[in-house]
Amino acid sequence: MSKKRGTWGTEMNYVREVIRLHYELKKNRNEIAQSLGISHATVSRILGLAGERGVALLALGDAELKALMYPNPAGPKPSTTKAPIDFAHVVSELGRKSMTRALLYQEYAKANEGSAVYSYSNFCAQLRQYQQSHKVTMLLSHPPGEVCYLDYAGMTIPIYDAITGVVLFCAQILVATLAYSGYTYAEAQRAQSEECFVNGIVRALGFFGGVVATLVPDNLKAGVISHTKRVIRLSRAIVELAGYYRLWVDPTRVRRPRDKAKVEERVRAVQNWVLAPLRNEHFTSLATLNEAIAKGIDELNDR
């Protein structure tokens, strides 16, 4: 495993995070590879060696864990002839309540037991290609408390010098909203920096009174280093925050507005009902601005 693929921890940190994401958060191999910026083969190798021991490996020291992760090379590669996938059936089933790609993949693998099957990541990749070629729109449904969307509003509010009246900076407005209920939090920040973004997430979770399963930020420079079709690289602070709160961070796809329709709708609501009424006021500190925003957010959520 190359350490050049990430900068936030040692080699064994990657191994522990792969195990945690898979066994505790039930993330698939492709999602883990994209989140940590490592190869799918590396993730598969770690999980294959972890086997049924799962989270029990997290209690081992680095030396013991490394010994388990680097045994002698395994046997020959499997056959390349794969069982075909009925994508029309898969897409039809995905429209049903509580149906997931992971479950449909398991059914595909079970139905072709004894034959070579596609990997889950390959299954998902081919499914995406099929949906794009058939112009299938994905239906987003969220159980209560599972997902929190994050984005910055396009509207900013100036902060003035109390003596001279000169604009010191324009406050950036972070908006966080729960996908199921639309319950919303917003705050003014000095800049869209990594530090401001991470601290804003912590305060948002405090406002909601609990930790969600998944954070879905837009592709903000404060949290996402790079986002391609194959690899998502999160900032070190965001990865550490995810590990601390034991949650999953899944940025929206680039130029896919439907992925974040919920937060964009709530951003517009915050701008219309919370920020616009403050347009003629002169704020000389973030504290006073955030007091006014908090009052407006309470009224918005009540509405």
Protein backbone atom coordinates (compact mmCIF):
# COMPACT_ATOMS: atom_id res chain seq x y z
CA MET A 1 0.00 0.00 0.00
CA SER A 2 1.55 3.26 -1.11
CA LYS A 3 1.67 6.07 1.43
CA LYS A 4 1.69 8.57 -1.46
CA ARG A 5 -2.06 8.01 -1.85
CA GLY A 6 -2.89 9.78 1.40
CA THR A 7 -1.34 12.19 3.89
CA TRP A 8 -3.47 11.85 7.00
CA GLY A 9 -2.03 8.80 8.74
CA THR A 10 0.31 5.82 8.73
CA GLU A 11 -0.14 2.63 6.77
CA MET A 12 -1.87 0.86 9.68
CA ASN A 13 -4.22 3.83 10.04
CA TYR A 14 -5.46 3.08 6.54
CA VAL A 15 -5.96 -0.59 7.41
CA ARG A 16 -7.92 0.29 10.55
CA GLU A 17 -10.08 2.83 8.68
CA VAL A 18 -10.88 0.32 5.91
CA ILE A 19 -11.98 -2.20 8.55
CA ARG A 20 -14.03 0.39 10.45
CA LEU A 21 -15.83 1.72 7.38
CA HIS A 22 -16.70 -1.76 6.14
CA TYR A 23 -17.66 -3.57 9.35
CA GLU A 24 -19.08 -0.69 11.40
CA LEU A 25 -20.58 1.59 8.73
CA LYS A 26 -21.32 -1.20 6.20
CA LYS A 27 -19.69 0.65 3.31
CA ASN A 28 -18.80 -1.30 0.18
CA ARG A 29 -15.33 -1.66 -1.21
CA ASN A 30 -15.69 0.88 -3.98
CA GLU A 31 -16.99 3.56 -1.59
CA ILE A 32 -14.11 2.92 0.80
CA ALA A 33 -11.52 3.08 -1.98
CA GLN A 34 -12.93 6.40 -3.24
CA SER A 35 -13.14 7.93 0.24
CA LEU A 36 -9.58 7.02 1.28
CA GLY A 37 -7.97 7.53 -2.13
CA ILE A 38 -6.54 4.00 -2.29
CA SER A 39 -7.02 1.29 -4.89
CA HIS A 40 -9.99 -1.05 -4.93
CA ALA A 41 -7.53 -3.97 -4.97
CA THR A 42 -5.95 -2.77 -1.71
CA VAL A 43 -9.36 -2.51 -0.01
CA SER A 44 -10.32 -5.99 -1.25
CA ARG A 45 -7.05 -7.43 -0.01
CA ILE A 46 -7.46 -5.92 3.47
CA LEU A 47 -11.06 -7.10 3.83
CA GLY A 48 -10.20 -10.52 2.45
CA LEU A 49 -7.48 -10.97 5.06
CA ALA A 50 -9.70 -9.53 7.82
CA GLY A 51 -12.36 -12.14 7.09
CA GLU A 52 -14.79 -12.86 9.91
CA ARG A 53 -12.59 -11.23 12.53
CA GLY A 54 -13.87 -7.80 11.46
CA VAL A 55 -13.80 -5.09 14.13
CA ALA A 56 -11.91 -7.37 16.53
CA LEU A 57 -8.78 -6.50 14.54
CA LEU A 58 -9.05 -2.86 15.63
CA ALA A 59 -7.95 -3.87 19.13
CA LEU A 60 -4.62 -5.28 17.86
CA GLY A 61 -1.36 -3.38 18.03
CA ASP A 62 0.33 -2.19 14.83
CA ALA A 63 2.85 -5.06 14.80
CA GLU A 64 0.18 -7.76 15.17
CA LEU A 65 -2.10 -6.09 12.61
CA LYS A 66 0.72 -5.72 10.09
CA ALA A 67 1.65 -9.39 10.46
CA LEU A 68 -1.93 -10.36 9.60
CA MET A 69 -2.17 -7.96 6.67
CA TYR A 70 1.06 -9.13 4.99
CA PRO A 71 0.97 -12.94 4.78
CA ASN A 72 2.40 -14.95 1.87
CA PRO A 73 0.88 -14.25 -1.58
CA ALA A 74 -2.43 -16.01 -2.30
CA GLY A 75 -3.31 -18.46 -5.10
CA PRO A 76 -4.33 -18.03 -8.75
CA LYS A 77 -6.71 -15.42 -10.11
CA PRO A 78 -10.36 -16.40 -10.63
CA SER A 79 -11.93 -17.02 -14.02
CA THR A 80 -12.73 -13.94 -16.10
CA THR A 81 -16.00 -15.34 -17.51
CA LYS A 82 -18.78 -13.55 -15.62
CA ALA A 83 -22.48 -14.27 -15.19
CA PRO A 84 -24.63 -11.69 -17.07
CA ILE A 85 -26.64 -9.04 -15.20
CA ASP A 86 -30.29 -8.29 -15.98
CA PHE A 87 -30.11 -4.50 -15.61
CA ALA A 88 -33.72 -3.91 -16.64
CA HIS A 89 -34.77 -6.04 -13.66
CA VAL A 90 -32.25 -4.29 -11.37
CA VAL A 91 -33.50 -0.81 -12.30
CA SER A 92 -37.12 -1.90 -11.86
CA GLU A 93 -36.37 -3.30 -8.39
CA LEU A 94 -34.50 -0.14 -7.34
CA GLY A 95 -37.76 1.76 -7.64
CA ARG A 96 -39.25 -0.27 -4.81
CA LYS A 97 -39.19 0.95 -1.21
CA SER A 98 -36.10 0.08 0.89
CA MET A 99 -34.38 -1.59 -2.07
CA THR A 100 -30.61 -1.03 -2.39
CA ARG A 101 -27.92 -1.83 -4.93
CA ALA A 102 -26.08 -3.89 -2.30
CA LEU A 103 -29.10 -6.16 -1.77
CA LEU A 104 -29.67 -6.61 -5.50
CA TYR A 105 -26.00 -7.45 -5.95
CA GLN A 106 -26.23 -10.07 -3.23
CA GLU A 107 -29.25 -11.59 -5.01
CA TYR A 108 -27.34 -11.57 -8.31
CA ALA A 109 -24.34 -13.28 -6.69
CA LYS A 110 -26.53 -15.86 -4.94
CA ALA A 111 -28.47 -16.66 -8.12
CA ASN A 112 -25.17 -17.34 -9.88
CA GLU A 113 -23.51 -19.23 -7.05
CA GLY A 114 -20.86 -21.54 -8.42
CA SER A 115 -20.21 -19.27 -11.40
CA ALA A 116 -17.88 -16.31 -11.73
CA VAL A 117 -19.70 -13.05 -10.99
CA TYR A 118 -18.84 -9.37 -11.34
CA SER A 119 -17.48 -7.56 -8.30
CA TYR A 120 -19.82 -5.16 -6.50
CA SER A 121 -17.92 -2.12 -7.82
CA ASN A 122 -18.12 -3.45 -11.39
CA PHE A 123 -21.81 -4.21 -10.89
CA CYS A 124 -22.43 -0.59 -9.79
CA ALA A 125 -20.31 0.85 -12.60
CA GLN A 126 -22.22 -1.11 -15.26
CA LEU A 127 -25.51 -0.15 -13.59
CA ARG A 128 -24.58 3.56 -13.80
CA GLN A 129 -23.74 3.16 -17.49
CA TYR A 130 -27.08 1.44 -18.10
CA GLN A 131 -28.99 4.18 -16.25
CA GLN A 132 -27.19 6.92 -18.19
CA SER A 133 -27.81 5.25 -21.54
CA HIS A 134 -31.49 4.76 -20.68
CA LYS A 135 -31.83 8.18 -19.01
CA VAL A 136 -32.94 6.67 -15.71
CA THR A 137 -33.37 9.23 -12.89
CA MET A 138 -32.31 8.06 -9.45
CA LEU A 139 -34.94 8.44 -6.72
CA LEU A 140 -33.40 9.71 -3.47
CA SER A 141 -35.12 8.55 -0.29
CA HIS A 142 -33.75 9.03 3.20
CA PRO A 143 -34.66 7.44 6.54
CA PRO A 144 -34.99 9.97 9.40
CA GLY A 145 -31.68 11.19 10.83
CA GLU A 146 -29.54 9.34 8.30
CA VAL A 147 -28.21 12.10 6.00
CA CYS A 148 -27.13 15.71 6.51
CA TYR A 149 -26.43 17.92 3.47
CA LEU A 150 -23.92 20.79 3.68
CA ASP A 151 -23.36 23.76 1.40
CA TYR A 152 -22.51 27.47 1.47
CA ALA A 153 -25.12 30.04 0.44
CA GLY A 154 -24.32 32.22 -2.54
CA MET A 155 -25.42 35.28 -0.54
CA THR A 156 -22.90 36.85 1.87
CA ILE A 157 -23.29 39.52 4.57
CA PRO A 158 -20.71 42.28 5.16
CA ILE A 159 -19.09 42.77 8.55
CA TYR A 160 -18.22 46.43 9.24
CA ASP A 161 -15.57 48.11 11.35
CA ALA A 162 -17.41 49.59 14.33
CA ILE A 163 -15.45 52.88 14.16
CA THR A 164 -14.72 53.59 10.52
CA GLY A 165 -17.67 51.78 8.96
CA VAL A 166 -15.37 50.12 6.43
CA VAL A 167 -16.29 46.58 5.34
CA LEU A 168 -13.79 44.22 6.98
CA PHE A 169 -14.93 41.07 5.17
CA CYS A 170 -18.05 39.40 3.82
CA ALA A 171 -19.29 36.59 6.03
CA GLN A 172 -19.87 33.22 4.35
CA ILE A 173 -23.07 31.39 5.34
CA LEU A 174 -22.84 27.63 5.96
CA VAL A 175 -26.14 25.75 5.68
CA ALA A 176 -26.71 22.22 7.02
CA THR A 177 -30.01 20.43 6.56
CA LEU A 178 -31.35 16.99 7.48
CA ALA A 179 -32.44 15.17 4.33
CA TYR A 180 -35.61 13.58 5.70
CA SER A 181 -37.16 16.47 7.64
CA GLY A 182 -35.52 19.54 6.12
CA TYR A 183 -34.63 20.68 9.65
CA THR A 184 -31.96 23.32 9.05
CA TYR A 185 -28.97 24.96 10.73
CA ALA A 186 -27.04 27.96 9.42
CA GLU A 187 -24.17 30.10 10.66
CA ALA A 188 -21.97 32.93 9.45
CA GLN A 189 -18.23 32.25 9.08
CA ARG A 190 -15.23 34.42 8.30
CA ALA A 191 -14.25 32.33 5.25
CA GLN A 192 -14.85 29.03 3.48
CA SER A 193 -11.70 27.58 5.03
CA GLU A 194 -11.12 24.03 6.22
CA GLU A 195 -11.06 25.16 9.87
CA CYS A 196 -14.31 27.14 9.57
CA PHE A 197 -16.00 24.30 7.68
CA VAL A 198 -15.06 21.60 10.19
CA ASN A 199 -16.02 23.72 13.21
CA GLY A 200 -19.30 24.55 11.48
CA ILE A 201 -20.06 20.83 11.09
CA VAL A 202 -19.40 20.26 14.79
CA ARG A 203 -21.77 23.09 15.74
CA ALA A 204 -24.41 21.83 13.29
CA LEU A 205 -24.35 18.35 14.85
CA GLY A 206 -24.68 19.99 18.26
CA PHE A 207 -27.68 21.96 17.01
CA PHE A 208 -29.33 18.79 15.67
CA GLY A 209 -28.65 17.04 18.98
CA GLY A 210 -27.00 13.95 17.51
CA VAL A 211 -24.71 12.44 14.88
CA VAL A 212 -26.09 11.48 11.48
CA ALA A 213 -24.91 8.38 9.60
CA THR A 214 -23.77 10.29 6.51
CA LEU A 215 -22.56 13.80 5.72
CA VAL A 216 -23.09 14.91 2.11
CA PRO A 217 -21.12 18.12 1.43
CA ASP A 218 -20.90 19.85 -1.89
CA ASN A 219 -17.48 19.66 -3.56
CA LEU A 220 -16.07 22.44 -1.39
CA LYS A 221 -12.35 23.18 -1.37
CA ALA A 222 -12.61 23.31 2.42
CA GLY A 223 -13.37 19.58 2.58
CA VAL A 224 -12.67 17.90 -0.76
CA ILE A 225 -9.15 17.90 -2.21
CA SER A 226 -10.16 16.27 -5.49
CA HIS A 227 -13.21 14.45 -6.86
CA THR A 228 -12.99 12.41 -10.05
CA LYS A 229 -15.10 9.57 -11.40
CA ARG A 230 -12.77 7.06 -9.78
CA VAL A 231 -11.32 8.71 -6.67
CA ILE A 232 -12.54 11.12 -4.00
CA ARG A 233 -9.84 12.64 -1.78
CA LEU A 234 -11.14 14.33 1.35
CA SER A 235 -9.10 16.79 3.39
CA ARG A 236 -7.23 15.44 6.38
CA ALA A 237 -9.46 17.33 8.84
CA ILE A 238 -12.66 15.92 7.29
CA VAL A 239 -11.32 12.34 7.39
CA GLU A 240 -10.34 12.78 11.04
CA LEU A 241 -13.76 14.27 11.84
CA ALA A 242 -15.45 11.27 10.18
CA GLY A 243 -13.33 8.89 12.23
CA TYR A 244 -14.03 10.74 15.47
CA TYR A 245 -17.81 10.82 14.99
CA ARG A 246 -17.81 7.41 13.26
CA LEU A 247 -19.81 8.65 10.29
CA TRP A 248 -19.54 8.50 6.50
CA VAL A 249 -18.65 11.46 4.26
CA ASP A 250 -20.01 11.18 0.72
CA PRO A 251 -19.58 14.38 -1.38
CA THR A 252 -22.06 15.04 -4.17
CA ARG A 253 -20.97 14.26 -7.71
CA VAL A 254 -19.47 17.04 -9.79
CA ARG A 255 -22.09 18.87 -11.91
CA ARG A 256 -24.95 16.70 -10.63
CA PRO A 257 -27.42 19.23 -9.10
CA ARG A 258 -30.03 16.55 -8.41
CA ASP A 259 -27.65 15.00 -5.86
CA LYS A 260 -28.07 18.07 -3.64
CA ALA A 261 -31.56 19.28 -4.50
CA LYS A 262 -32.62 19.18 -0.84
CA VAL A 263 -29.84 21.45 0.43
CA GLU A 264 -30.18 23.85 -2.52
CA GLU A 265 -33.87 24.25 -1.71
CA ARG A 266 -33.03 24.93 1.95
CA VAL A 267 -30.23 27.34 0.98
CA ARG A 268 -32.80 29.34 -1.01
CA ALA A 269 -35.14 29.29 1.98
CA VAL A 270 -32.36 30.55 4.28
CA GLN A 271 -31.49 33.33 1.83
CA ASN A 272 -35.15 34.37 1.39
CA TRP A 273 -36.40 34.08 4.97
CA VAL A 274 -33.28 34.53 7.15
CA LEU A 275 -30.63 36.54 5.28
CA ALA A 276 -32.72 38.86 3.12
CA PRO A 277 -34.49 40.47 6.15
CA LEU A 278 -30.99 41.38 7.49
CA ARG A 279 -29.86 43.17 4.32
CA ASN A 280 -30.18 46.70 5.75
CA GLU A 281 -28.53 45.99 9.11
CA HIS A 282 -24.90 46.79 9.87
CA PHE A 283 -23.15 44.02 11.78
CA THR A 284 -19.78 44.65 13.41
CA SER A 285 -19.06 41.07 14.49
CA LEU A 286 -19.81 37.47 13.56
CA ALA A 287 -21.29 36.93 17.03
CA THR A 288 -24.05 39.51 16.56
CA LEU A 289 -24.73 38.31 13.02
CA ASN A 290 -25.03 34.71 14.20
CA GLU A 291 -27.45 35.74 16.92
CA ALA A 292 -29.71 37.25 14.25
CA ILE A 293 -29.29 34.20 12.01
CA ALA A 294 -30.13 31.83 14.87
CA LYS A 295 -33.38 33.67 15.51
CA GLY A 296 -34.28 33.52 11.82
CA ILE A 297 -33.44 29.81 11.63
CA ASP A 298 -35.74 29.05 14.56
CA GLU A 299 -38.56 30.86 12.79
CA LEU A 300 -37.78 29.06 9.50
CA ASN A 301 -37.83 25.64 11.16
CA ASP A 302 -41.07 26.48 12.96
CA ARG A 303 -42.58 27.57 9.66
